Amino acid sequence: MNERILEQTVVSAGPLQSLTPEELRLDSEPLTIDPRPKPVRAWVRFGPKPLLVDAVAVRWTADAVGVVFSIRETEYRAWVWASAVTPVQRTP
């Protein structure tokens, strides 16, 4: 998505949404932390507005993925459902 559109959405749509502790169940679900984050495309939400962003998957459970992405020079982190994430092949 165009960087300018992303930036405008971030400013106008509201705060970045992330899964809640109740949804994540980190106290009972195994957590994988990847020392070499994987590139992904992920659906995230700012307020009610969904956005597809280029991100990296830095951690995950069976049901959720922790992603990190940047818009302009601001880094964002969020937990999203695993089904909202698609792996991206790295170019050699």
Protein backbone atom coordinates (compact mmCIF):
# COMPACT_ATOMS: atom_id res chain seq x y z
CA MET A 1 0.00 0.00 0.00
CA ASN A 2 1.16 3.52 -0.72
CA GLU A 3 3.17 4.96 2.20
CA ARG A 4 1.20 8.19 2.13
CA ILE A 5 -2.12 6.36 2.40
CA LEU A 6 -0.73 4.28 5.28
CA GLU A 7 0.46 7.40 7.10
CA GLN A 8 -2.89 9.17 6.65
CA THR A 9 -4.75 6.12 7.96
CA VAL A 10 -2.50 5.88 11.02
CA VAL A 11 -3.14 9.54 11.83
CA SER A 12 -6.90 9.48 11.28
CA ALA A 13 -8.18 5.97 12.10
CA GLY A 14 -7.16 5.57 15.72
CA PRO A 15 -4.66 3.52 17.73
CA LEU A 16 -3.09 0.27 16.57
CA GLN A 17 -5.17 -2.69 17.74
CA SER A 18 -3.56 -5.84 19.17
CA LEU A 19 -4.90 -9.10 20.54
CA THR A 20 -5.67 -9.07 24.25
CA PRO A 21 -3.95 -11.23 26.88
CA GLU A 22 -7.13 -13.30 27.10
CA GLU A 23 -6.98 -13.98 23.36
CA LEU A 24 -3.24 -14.76 23.42
CA ARG A 25 -3.30 -17.09 26.44
CA LEU A 26 0.49 -16.75 26.83
CA ASP A 27 0.25 -18.21 30.32
CA SER A 28 -0.85 -21.56 28.86
CA GLU A 29 0.23 -21.57 25.18
CA PRO A 30 3.81 -22.29 23.99
CA LEU A 31 5.54 -19.21 22.60
CA THR A 32 8.22 -19.26 19.88
CA ILE A 33 10.61 -16.30 19.67
CA ASP A 34 12.53 -16.24 16.40
CA PRO A 35 16.09 -14.86 16.53
CA ARG A 36 15.82 -14.35 12.74
CA PRO A 37 12.42 -12.74 12.11
CA LYS A 38 10.60 -13.84 8.97
CA PRO A 39 9.18 -11.41 6.37
CA VAL A 40 5.38 -11.48 6.13
CA ARG A 41 2.38 -9.53 4.91
CA ALA A 42 -0.03 -8.95 7.79
CA TRP A 43 -3.48 -7.48 8.27
CA VAL A 44 -3.41 -5.02 11.16
CA ARG A 45 -6.01 -2.54 12.41
CA PHE A 46 -5.70 1.09 13.32
CA GLY A 47 -8.97 1.82 15.07
CA PRO A 48 -11.62 0.13 12.92
CA LYS A 49 -9.54 0.41 9.70
CA PRO A 50 -7.79 -2.77 8.41
CA LEU A 51 -4.46 -2.33 6.61
CA LEU A 52 -2.23 -4.85 4.83
CA VAL A 53 1.40 -4.10 5.74
CA ASP A 54 4.84 -5.52 5.09
CA ALA A 55 6.12 -6.76 8.42
CA VAL A 56 8.32 -9.34 10.12
CA ALA A 57 7.05 -12.13 12.35
CA VAL A 58 9.13 -12.03 15.53
CA ARG A 59 7.16 -14.45 17.71
CA TRP A 60 4.15 -16.71 17.52
CA THR A 61 1.86 -19.21 19.18
CA ALA A 62 -0.34 -21.80 17.49
CA ASP A 63 -3.03 -19.13 16.97
CA ALA A 64 -1.32 -15.72 16.91
CA VAL A 65 1.70 -13.94 15.45
CA GLY A 66 3.62 -11.00 16.91
CA VAL A 67 4.54 -8.68 14.04
CA VAL A 68 6.74 -5.61 13.75
CA PHE A 69 6.38 -3.09 10.93
CA SER A 70 7.28 0.51 10.18
CA ILE A 71 5.33 3.35 8.67
CA ARG A 72 7.61 6.23 7.80
CA GLU A 73 10.09 6.17 10.66
CA THR A 74 7.79 4.85 13.37
CA GLU A 75 8.01 1.20 14.41
CA TYR A 76 4.81 -0.60 15.42
CA ARG A 77 4.30 -3.94 17.18
CA ALA A 78 1.09 -5.91 17.38
CA TRP A 79 -0.28 -9.38 17.93
CA VAL A 80 -2.63 -10.57 15.17
CA TRP A 81 -4.39 -13.85 14.44
CA ALA A 82 -2.19 -16.31 12.54
CA SER A 83 -4.72 -16.38 9.70
CA ALA A 84 -4.06 -12.65 9.13
CA VAL A 85 -0.42 -13.33 8.20
CA THR A 86 1.08 -14.58 4.92
CA PRO A 87 4.76 -15.54 4.63
CA VAL A 88 6.85 -13.70 2.03
CA GLN A 89 9.73 -15.42 0.25
CA ARG A 90 13.08 -13.77 0.86
CA THR A 91 15.01 -12.85 -2.24
CA PRO A 92 18.55 -14.25 -2.31
